Amino acid sequence: MTDTVDDASLAIHAVVRNRVSEKALDAVQGVGGGFAYRTVVAGDLAAVVTAAGTTSDSREHLRRHGRIVAQLLRRSSMVPVPLGFVARDESAVREFLEVRRIPLKEALDYLEDGYELRLHLSARRGVGREDELRTAAHHVYEQLQLQARAARILAEEGGEHILSAAFLIPRDEWIRFVEQVTDWEGRYPGIRMDVTGPWAAWDFVHVMPTGDPVGPREET
């Protein structure tokens, strides 16, 4: 884990395939959301990085990270890396890719051409009994799960909010998924169904730190 950030330090935002022959990396290098980013290649993998900078403003780090990941998501299949992963230099980035090569490649296969969509189900006041609405919400989740590559419930609560769930959907089917949610909402007027996304698949893959020389930034 890095203790300090110097001029050579690099923030890692995502991992993509190094498809040199297809010139795919040309599409993920450039300016994302006003921030210049580039790739560091190790064999058949590449990390998307920016200069880490020295600011301790966590909101600025989050804004930059989120914009770059969103920009990449429109251009390439990728594994998103949690906010705050900082490598001391390019050699440390390559070491990270080498150490995590197998799980990263498996994650890229799993997430290929996929989007994450999140669904939030809430009870409308004065429409239906809570137990009936909760049963209906779980039925909707189970039916939508059949159309997804993967799905998971993120939170279940009492009262107005019933549950939140994440779905991994093929890129070319996400609009149809939203249309299906609209159809289900029409069948259950007592439940408000809000879809957000598409997002990077944060809830379906987790990149863990490897220790020195790569790890989450320590904010001061």
Protein backbone atom coordinates (compact mmCIF):
# COMPACT_ATOMS: atom_id res chain seq x y z
CA MET A 1 0.00 0.00 0.00
CA THR A 2 1.31 3.39 -0.87
CA ASP A 3 1.98 5.78 2.00
CA THR A 4 2.69 8.86 -0.13
CA VAL A 5 1.77 10.13 -3.56
CA ASP A 6 4.53 11.56 -5.75
CA ASP A 7 4.73 12.78 -9.33
CA ALA A 8 5.16 9.23 -10.69
CA SER A 9 2.18 7.75 -8.82
CA LEU A 10 -0.72 6.49 -10.93
CA ALA A 11 -4.37 6.07 -10.02
CA ILE A 12 -5.82 2.86 -11.50
CA HIS A 13 -9.42 3.20 -12.70
CA ALA A 14 -10.17 0.02 -14.65
CA VAL A 15 -8.70 -2.99 -16.40
CA VAL A 16 -9.40 -3.79 -20.06
CA ARG A 17 -8.16 -6.31 -22.60
CA ASN A 18 -5.04 -5.48 -24.57
CA ARG A 19 -6.43 -6.19 -28.03
CA VAL A 20 -3.58 -4.56 -29.89
CA SER A 21 -4.40 -6.21 -33.19
CA GLU A 22 -7.92 -4.78 -33.06
CA LYS A 23 -6.61 -1.36 -32.01
CA ALA A 24 -9.22 -1.45 -29.25
CA LEU A 25 -6.95 0.36 -26.84
CA ASP A 26 -7.00 3.39 -29.13
CA ALA A 27 -10.65 3.76 -28.18
CA VAL A 28 -9.99 3.88 -24.43
CA GLN A 29 -7.09 6.31 -24.47
CA GLY A 30 -7.77 10.00 -24.51
CA VAL A 31 -9.87 12.36 -22.48
CA GLY A 32 -12.65 11.11 -20.23
CA GLY A 33 -14.93 13.64 -18.58
CA GLY A 34 -12.29 16.33 -18.85
CA PHE A 35 -9.49 14.12 -17.51
CA ALA A 36 -6.66 12.74 -19.63
CA TYR A 37 -6.09 9.02 -19.10
CA ARG A 38 -3.92 6.37 -20.70
CA THR A 39 -3.17 2.65 -20.51
CA VAL A 40 -0.34 0.65 -19.01
CA VAL A 41 -0.01 -2.71 -20.77
CA ALA A 42 1.10 -6.07 -19.38
CA GLY A 43 0.66 -8.90 -21.87
CA ASP A 44 -3.00 -9.30 -22.78
CA LEU A 45 -4.24 -6.91 -20.08
CA ALA A 46 -4.10 -3.14 -19.76
CA ALA A 47 -4.81 -0.83 -16.83
CA VAL A 48 -6.44 2.54 -17.44
CA VAL A 49 -4.59 5.11 -15.34
CA THR A 50 -4.19 8.81 -14.63
CA ALA A 51 -1.61 10.75 -12.69
CA ALA A 52 -2.62 10.35 -9.06
CA GLY A 53 -1.98 13.98 -8.15
CA THR A 54 -1.42 15.28 -4.67
CA THR A 55 -4.83 16.68 -3.75
CA SER A 56 -6.45 15.25 -0.62
CA ASP A 57 -9.94 16.29 -1.75
CA SER A 58 -11.86 12.99 -1.71
CA ARG A 59 -14.73 14.53 -3.70
CA GLU A 60 -12.35 15.43 -6.51
CA HIS A 61 -10.97 11.87 -6.56
CA LEU A 62 -14.50 10.46 -6.67
CA ARG A 63 -15.58 12.83 -9.44
CA ARG A 64 -12.58 12.03 -11.60
CA HIS A 65 -12.84 8.29 -11.01
CA GLY A 66 -16.56 8.20 -11.73
CA ARG A 67 -16.30 10.21 -14.94
CA ILE A 68 -13.47 8.12 -16.32
CA VAL A 69 -15.19 4.82 -15.53
CA ALA A 70 -18.43 6.10 -17.13
CA GLN A 71 -16.52 7.18 -20.24
CA LEU A 72 -14.80 3.80 -20.50
CA LEU A 73 -18.06 1.95 -20.05
CA ARG A 74 -19.38 3.44 -23.29
CA ARG A 75 -16.28 2.31 -25.21
CA SER A 76 -15.11 -1.03 -23.88
CA SER A 77 -15.86 -4.01 -21.69
CA MET A 78 -13.88 -3.56 -18.49
CA VAL A 79 -13.35 -4.44 -14.85
CA PRO A 80 -13.89 -1.32 -12.71
CA VAL A 81 -11.32 -0.80 -9.96
CA PRO A 82 -12.41 0.68 -6.59
CA LEU A 83 -11.72 4.33 -5.92
CA GLY A 84 -8.31 5.02 -4.41
CA PHE A 85 -6.10 2.32 -5.96
CA VAL A 86 -2.73 4.03 -6.44
CA ALA A 87 0.50 2.54 -7.80
CA ARG A 88 3.89 4.11 -7.20
CA ASP A 89 4.82 3.91 -10.93
CA GLU A 90 4.20 2.01 -14.18
CA SER A 91 6.19 -1.03 -13.05
CA ALA A 92 3.90 -1.34 -10.03
CA VAL A 93 0.85 -1.20 -12.30
CA ARG A 94 2.28 -4.01 -14.44
CA GLU A 95 2.98 -6.02 -11.30
CA PHE A 96 -0.62 -5.58 -10.23
CA LEU A 97 -1.80 -6.88 -13.62
CA GLU A 98 0.56 -9.85 -13.45
CA VAL A 99 -0.34 -10.81 -9.88
CA ARG A 100 -4.08 -10.58 -10.58
CA ARG A 101 -3.93 -11.88 -14.15
CA ILE A 102 -6.16 -14.94 -13.74
CA PRO A 103 -9.00 -13.36 -11.70
CA LEU A 104 -8.91 -10.24 -13.87
CA LYS A 105 -9.23 -12.27 -17.07
CA GLU A 106 -12.04 -14.31 -15.54
CA ALA A 107 -13.80 -11.10 -14.54
CA LEU A 108 -13.43 -9.67 -18.06
CA ASP A 109 -14.97 -12.83 -19.50
CA TYR A 110 -17.81 -12.65 -16.99
CA LEU A 111 -18.55 -8.97 -17.65
CA GLU A 112 -18.03 -9.01 -21.43
CA ASP A 113 -20.51 -6.65 -23.11
CA GLY A 114 -22.49 -6.23 -19.91
CA TYR A 115 -24.08 -3.32 -18.06
CA GLU A 116 -25.27 -3.13 -14.48
CA LEU A 117 -28.75 -1.77 -13.89
CA ARG A 118 -30.14 -1.13 -10.41
CA LEU A 119 -33.80 -1.41 -9.53
CA HIS A 120 -35.34 0.27 -6.49
CA LEU A 121 -38.80 -0.88 -5.43
CA SER A 122 -40.84 1.30 -3.07
CA ALA A 123 -44.40 1.11 -1.77
CA ARG A 124 -46.80 3.85 -2.80
CA ARG A 125 -48.58 5.28 0.22
CA GLY A 126 -52.09 4.12 0.77
CA VAL A 127 -52.04 1.49 -2.00
CA GLY A 128 -52.06 -2.12 -0.80
CA ARG A 129 -50.87 -3.93 2.32
CA GLU A 130 -47.16 -3.96 3.11
CA ASP A 131 -46.88 -7.76 3.19
CA GLU A 132 -48.65 -8.08 -0.15
CA LEU A 133 -46.46 -5.44 -1.76
CA ARG A 134 -43.32 -7.08 -0.41
CA THR A 135 -44.39 -10.45 -1.85
CA ALA A 136 -45.15 -8.79 -5.19
CA ALA A 137 -41.77 -7.02 -5.21
CA HIS A 138 -39.93 -10.28 -4.69
CA HIS A 139 -41.95 -11.83 -7.51
CA VAL A 140 -40.93 -9.00 -9.83
CA TYR A 141 -37.28 -9.45 -8.84
CA GLU A 142 -37.43 -13.19 -9.46
CA GLN A 143 -39.00 -12.73 -12.90
CA LEU A 144 -36.51 -10.05 -13.96
CA GLN A 145 -33.69 -12.24 -12.66
CA LEU A 146 -34.57 -14.78 -15.34
CA GLN A 147 -33.76 -12.18 -18.02
CA ALA A 148 -30.39 -11.21 -16.52
CA ARG A 149 -26.95 -12.73 -16.75
CA ALA A 150 -26.71 -12.32 -12.98
CA ALA A 151 -28.71 -10.58 -10.25
CA ARG A 152 -28.48 -9.88 -6.55
CA ILE A 153 -30.52 -8.11 -3.89
CA LEU A 154 -28.56 -5.18 -2.49
CA ALA A 155 -30.84 -4.13 0.35
CA GLU A 156 -34.19 -4.96 1.92
CA GLU A 157 -35.90 -2.55 4.27
CA GLY A 158 -39.20 -2.09 6.03
CA GLY A 159 -41.64 0.72 5.52
CA GLU A 160 -41.86 2.58 2.22
CA HIS A 161 -38.67 1.19 0.68
CA ILE A 162 -39.02 -2.51 -0.11
CA LEU A 163 -35.82 -3.62 -1.81
CA SER A 164 -32.98 -2.63 -4.13
CA ALA A 165 -31.40 -5.05 -6.58
CA ALA A 166 -28.66 -5.10 -9.20
CA PHE A 167 -28.87 -6.87 -12.55
CA LEU A 168 -26.10 -7.69 -15.01
CA ILE A 169 -27.63 -7.21 -18.45
CA PRO A 170 -26.15 -7.65 -21.95
CA ARG A 171 -25.50 -4.23 -23.50
CA ASP A 172 -27.90 -4.77 -26.37
CA GLU A 173 -30.76 -5.75 -24.02
CA TRP A 174 -30.70 -3.04 -21.36
CA ILE A 175 -33.41 -0.92 -22.99
CA ARG A 176 -35.67 -3.97 -23.22
CA PHE A 177 -35.00 -4.60 -19.53
CA VAL A 178 -36.18 -1.07 -18.67
CA GLU A 179 -39.30 -1.65 -20.77
CA GLN A 180 -39.97 -4.86 -18.84
CA VAL A 181 -39.74 -2.97 -15.56
CA THR A 182 -42.27 -0.45 -16.88
CA ASP A 183 -44.57 -3.33 -17.77
CA TRP A 184 -44.29 -4.83 -14.28
CA GLU A 185 -44.98 -1.45 -12.68
CA GLY A 186 -48.20 -1.30 -14.67
CA ARG A 187 -49.25 -4.65 -13.19
CA TYR A 188 -48.52 -3.57 -9.62
CA PRO A 189 -49.69 0.05 -9.18
CA GLY A 190 -48.90 -0.10 -5.48
CA ILE A 191 -45.15 -0.36 -6.17
CA ARG A 192 -42.95 2.39 -7.58
CA MET A 193 -40.11 0.91 -9.67
CA ASP A 194 -37.10 3.10 -10.39
CA VAL A 195 -34.26 1.92 -12.65
CA THR A 196 -30.84 3.60 -12.57
CA GLY A 197 -27.90 3.04 -14.89
CA PRO A 198 -26.41 1.69 -16.94
CA TRP A 199 -23.43 1.43 -14.59
CA ALA A 200 -20.15 -0.40 -14.55
CA ALA A 201 -20.62 -3.76 -12.84
CA TRP A 202 -19.58 -2.62 -9.37
CA ASP A 203 -21.85 -5.11 -7.62
CA PHE A 204 -20.70 -8.17 -9.56
CA VAL A 205 -16.92 -8.00 -9.36
CA HIS A 206 -14.53 -6.91 -6.60
CA VAL A 207 -10.86 -6.13 -7.17
CA MET A 208 -8.96 -6.69 -3.95
CA PRO A 209 -5.70 -5.00 -2.98
CA THR A 210 -2.50 -7.01 -3.37
CA GLY A 211 -0.39 -5.13 -0.82
CA ASP A 212 2.80 -3.32 -1.84
CA PRO A 213 3.28 -1.73 -4.27
CA VAL A 214 -0.39 -1.21 -5.14
CA GLY A 215 -3.21 -0.45 -2.75
CA PRO A 216 -5.92 2.00 -1.77
CA ARG A 217 -4.84 5.56 -1.20
CA GLU A 218 -4.65 6.58 2.45
CA GLU A 219 -6.50 9.88 2.79
CA THR A 220 -5.26 12.37 5.32
